Amino acid sequence: MFGNHGPGGSMDFNTHNPGDRFPIGDDVLTPGQFGNYLAGCAGQAYGGSLGVGAMMLSGIVFDFFDGGETRWDNDGSRDWIRRGAKDCKERFGRKKPVDWGSVTIDFGP
């Protein structure tokens, strides 16, 4: 799992999509923000509060491996994890999104 989600992994949007922007509602997210947003949504969908907590802990681990030190994921990452979890909970409840293969998320008005 860390191979996919860790630095340089297939789900590391910062590495593979550095110039992309992702509209979520009224916000336009950078690749790093979007990755954290999706992590929060996935954590909520698959583990509720415990899953979201696991994603936040994973952010601290990712932060360490990404730069060799940790900032305790205080660069706004946790805010986007929480936002993704909140939006996902409001949209899906505890029902898991059907297809994560081609992600389409529209939490706009």
C-alpha atoms as a PDB file:
ATOM      1  CA  MET A   1       0.000   0.000   0.000  1.00  0.00           C
ATOM      2  CA  PHE A   2       2.781   2.455   0.868  1.00  0.00           C
ATOM      3  CA  GLY A   3       4.289   1.746  -2.547  1.00  0.00           C
ATOM      4  CA  ASN A   4       1.158   3.167  -4.178  1.00  0.00           C
ATOM      5  CA  HIS A   5       0.531   6.031  -1.778  1.00  0.00           C
ATOM      6  CA  GLY A   6       4.058   6.886  -0.641  1.00  0.00           C
ATOM      7  CA  PRO A   7       6.493   9.285  -2.285  1.00  0.00           C
ATOM      8  CA  GLY A   8       6.595   8.544  -6.024  1.00  0.00           C
ATOM      9  CA  GLY A   9       3.834   5.933  -5.779  1.00  0.00           C
ATOM     10  CA  SER A  10       1.088   5.668  -8.359  1.00  0.00           C
ATOM     11  CA  MET A  11      -1.264   7.741  -6.162  1.00  0.00           C
ATOM     12  CA  ASP A  12       1.283  10.478  -5.389  1.00  0.00           C
ATOM     13  CA  PHE A  13      -0.351  13.330  -7.307  1.00  0.00           C
ATOM     14  CA  ASN A  14       2.509  15.712  -6.431  1.00  0.00           C
ATOM     15  CA  THR A  15       4.999  13.576  -8.331  1.00  0.00           C
ATOM     16  CA  HIS A  16       2.926  12.534 -11.320  1.00  0.00           C
ATOM     17  CA  ASN A  17       0.666  15.561 -11.824  1.00  0.00           C
ATOM     18  CA  PRO A  18       2.595  18.579 -10.483  1.00  0.00           C
ATOM     19  CA  GLY A  19       0.887  21.147 -12.717  1.00  0.00           C
ATOM     20  CA  ASP A  20      -2.645  19.814 -12.478  1.00  0.00           C
ATOM     21  CA  ARG A  21      -5.393  21.535 -10.536  1.00  0.00           C
ATOM     22  CA  PHE A  22      -8.488  19.852  -9.141  1.00  0.00           C
ATOM     23  CA  PRO A  23     -11.727  21.821  -8.635  1.00  0.00           C
ATOM     24  CA  ILE A  24     -13.640  20.816  -5.520  1.00  0.00           C
ATOM     25  CA  GLY A  25     -16.648  23.011  -4.852  1.00  0.00           C
ATOM     26  CA  ASP A  26     -15.442  26.620  -4.861  1.00  0.00           C
ATOM     27  CA  ASP A  27     -11.802  25.640  -4.291  1.00  0.00           C
ATOM     28  CA  VAL A  28      -9.132  24.666  -6.781  1.00  0.00           C
ATOM     29  CA  LEU A  29      -6.748  22.195  -5.171  1.00  0.00           C
ATOM     30  CA  THR A  30      -3.091  21.560  -5.892  1.00  0.00           C
ATOM     31  CA  PRO A  31      -2.035  17.934  -6.447  1.00  0.00           C
ATOM     32  CA  GLY A  32      -0.896  17.585  -2.819  1.00  0.00           C
ATOM     33  CA  GLN A  33      -4.144  19.030  -1.468  1.00  0.00           C
ATOM     34  CA  PHE A  34      -6.168  16.767  -3.750  1.00  0.00           C
ATOM     35  CA  GLY A  35      -4.249  13.681  -2.632  1.00  0.00           C
ATOM     36  CA  ASN A  36      -5.005  14.540   0.991  1.00  0.00           C
ATOM     37  CA  TYR A  37      -8.643  15.265   0.137  1.00  0.00           C
ATOM     38  CA  LEU A  38      -8.997  11.825  -1.484  1.00  0.00           C
ATOM     39  CA  ALA A  39      -7.231  10.212   1.467  1.00  0.00           C
ATOM     40  CA  GLY A  40      -9.804  11.739   3.819  1.00  0.00           C
ATOM     41  CA  CYS A  41     -12.661  10.583   1.628  1.00  0.00           C
ATOM     42  CA  ALA A  42     -11.265   7.050   1.379  1.00  0.00           C
ATOM     43  CA  GLY A  43     -10.557   6.910   5.108  1.00  0.00           C
ATOM     44  CA  GLN A  44     -14.119   7.985   5.896  1.00  0.00           C
ATOM     45  CA  ALA A  45     -15.692   5.609   3.392  1.00  0.00           C
ATOM     46  CA  TYR A  46     -13.719   2.573   4.443  1.00  0.00           C
ATOM     47  CA  GLY A  47     -13.135   3.124   8.152  1.00  0.00           C
ATOM     48  CA  GLY A  48     -15.198   6.019   9.492  1.00  0.00           C
ATOM     49  CA  SER A  49     -13.441   8.104  12.138  1.00  0.00           C
ATOM     50  CA  LEU A  50     -10.826   5.405  12.670  1.00  0.00           C
ATOM     51  CA  GLY A  51     -10.045   5.408   8.944  1.00  0.00           C
ATOM     52  CA  VAL A  52      -9.677   9.193   8.905  1.00  0.00           C
ATOM     53  CA  GLY A  53      -7.348   8.996  11.916  1.00  0.00           C
ATOM     54  CA  ALA A  54      -5.291   6.354  10.116  1.00  0.00           C
ATOM     55  CA  MET A  55      -4.990   8.666   7.106  1.00  0.00           C
ATOM     56  CA  MET A  56      -3.745  11.486   9.336  1.00  0.00           C
ATOM     57  CA  LEU A  57      -1.186   9.172  10.919  1.00  0.00           C
ATOM     58  CA  SER A  58      -0.158   8.042   7.442  1.00  0.00           C
ATOM     59  CA  GLY A  59       0.365  11.705   6.549  1.00  0.00           C
ATOM     60  CA  ILE A  60       2.928  12.005   9.328  1.00  0.00           C
ATOM     61  CA  VAL A  61       4.725   8.889   8.054  1.00  0.00           C
ATOM     62  CA  PHE A  62       4.561  10.163   4.441  1.00  0.00           C
ATOM     63  CA  ASP A  63       5.942  13.517   5.584  1.00  0.00           C
ATOM     64  CA  PHE A  64       8.905  11.773   7.201  1.00  0.00           C
ATOM     65  CA  PHE A  65       9.765   9.667   4.131  1.00  0.00           C
ATOM     66  CA  ASP A  66       9.169  12.560   1.752  1.00  0.00           C
ATOM     67  CA  GLY A  67      11.693  14.879   3.381  1.00  0.00           C
ATOM     68  CA  GLY A  68      13.570  12.862   5.968  1.00  0.00           C
ATOM     69  CA  GLU A  69      11.953  14.746   8.824  1.00  0.00           C
ATOM     70  CA  THR A  70       8.446  15.366   9.978  1.00  0.00           C
ATOM     71  CA  ARG A  71       6.568  18.579  10.416  1.00  0.00           C
ATOM     72  CA  TRP A  72       3.809  16.503  12.011  1.00  0.00           C
ATOM     73  CA  ASP A  73       1.869  17.062   8.796  1.00  0.00           C
ATOM     74  CA  ASN A  74       1.182  20.673   9.813  1.00  0.00           C
ATOM     75  CA  ASP A  75       1.323  22.113   6.299  1.00  0.00           C
ATOM     76  CA  GLY A  76      -2.451  22.086   5.879  1.00  0.00           C
ATOM     77  CA  SER A  77      -2.596  18.404   4.951  1.00  0.00           C
ATOM     78  CA  ARG A  78      -4.816  17.500   7.870  1.00  0.00           C
ATOM     79  CA  ASP A  79      -7.270  20.245   6.919  1.00  0.00           C
ATOM     80  CA  TRP A  80      -7.729  18.696   3.480  1.00  0.00           C
ATOM     81  CA  ILE A  81      -7.987  15.183   4.934  1.00  0.00           C
ATOM     82  CA  ARG A  82     -10.754  16.416   7.249  1.00  0.00           C
ATOM     83  CA  ARG A  83     -12.496  18.246   4.390  1.00  0.00           C
ATOM     84  CA  GLY A  84     -12.407  15.136   2.193  1.00  0.00           C
ATOM     85  CA  ALA A  85     -13.796  13.035   5.038  1.00  0.00           C
ATOM     86  CA  LYS A  86     -16.582  15.539   5.726  1.00  0.00           C
ATOM     87  CA  ASP A  87     -17.581  15.870   2.069  1.00  0.00           C
ATOM     88  CA  CYS A  88     -17.492  12.120   1.553  1.00  0.00           C
ATOM     89  CA  LYS A  89     -19.576  11.465   4.678  1.00  0.00           C
ATOM     90  CA  GLU A  90     -22.174  14.023   3.586  1.00  0.00           C
ATOM     91  CA  ARG A  91     -22.254  12.626   0.068  1.00  0.00           C
ATOM     92  CA  PHE A  92     -22.028   8.873   0.666  1.00  0.00           C
ATOM     93  CA  GLY A  93     -22.617   8.289   4.393  1.00  0.00           C
ATOM     94  CA  ARG A  94     -21.003   4.943   5.190  1.00  0.00           C
ATOM     95  CA  LYS A  95     -21.748   3.658   1.695  1.00  0.00           C
ATOM     96  CA  LYS A  96     -18.529   3.090  -0.228  1.00  0.00           C
ATOM     97  CA  PRO A  97     -18.111   4.844  -3.577  1.00  0.00           C
ATOM     98  CA  VAL A  98     -18.662   2.283  -6.317  1.00  0.00           C
ATOM     99  CA  ASP A  99     -15.746   2.941  -8.652  1.00  0.00           C
ATOM    100  CA  TRP A 100     -12.409   4.278  -7.462  1.00  0.00           C
ATOM    101  CA  GLY A 101     -10.752   3.279 -10.762  1.00  0.00           C
ATOM    102  CA  SER A 102     -11.637   6.500 -12.554  1.00  0.00           C
ATOM    103  CA  VAL A 103     -12.328   9.012  -9.866  1.00  0.00           C
ATOM    104  CA  THR A 104     -15.058  11.539 -10.552  1.00  0.00           C
ATOM    105  CA  ILE A 105     -15.942  13.685  -7.589  1.00  0.00           C
ATOM    106  CA  ASP A 106     -18.242  16.668  -7.848  1.00  0.00           C
ATOM    107  CA  PHE A 107     -19.048  18.165  -4.479  1.00  0.00           C
ATOM    108  CA  GLY A 108     -19.922  21.512  -6.036  1.00  0.00           C
ATOM    109  CA  PRO A 109     -23.247  23.302  -5.515  1.00  0.00           C
END
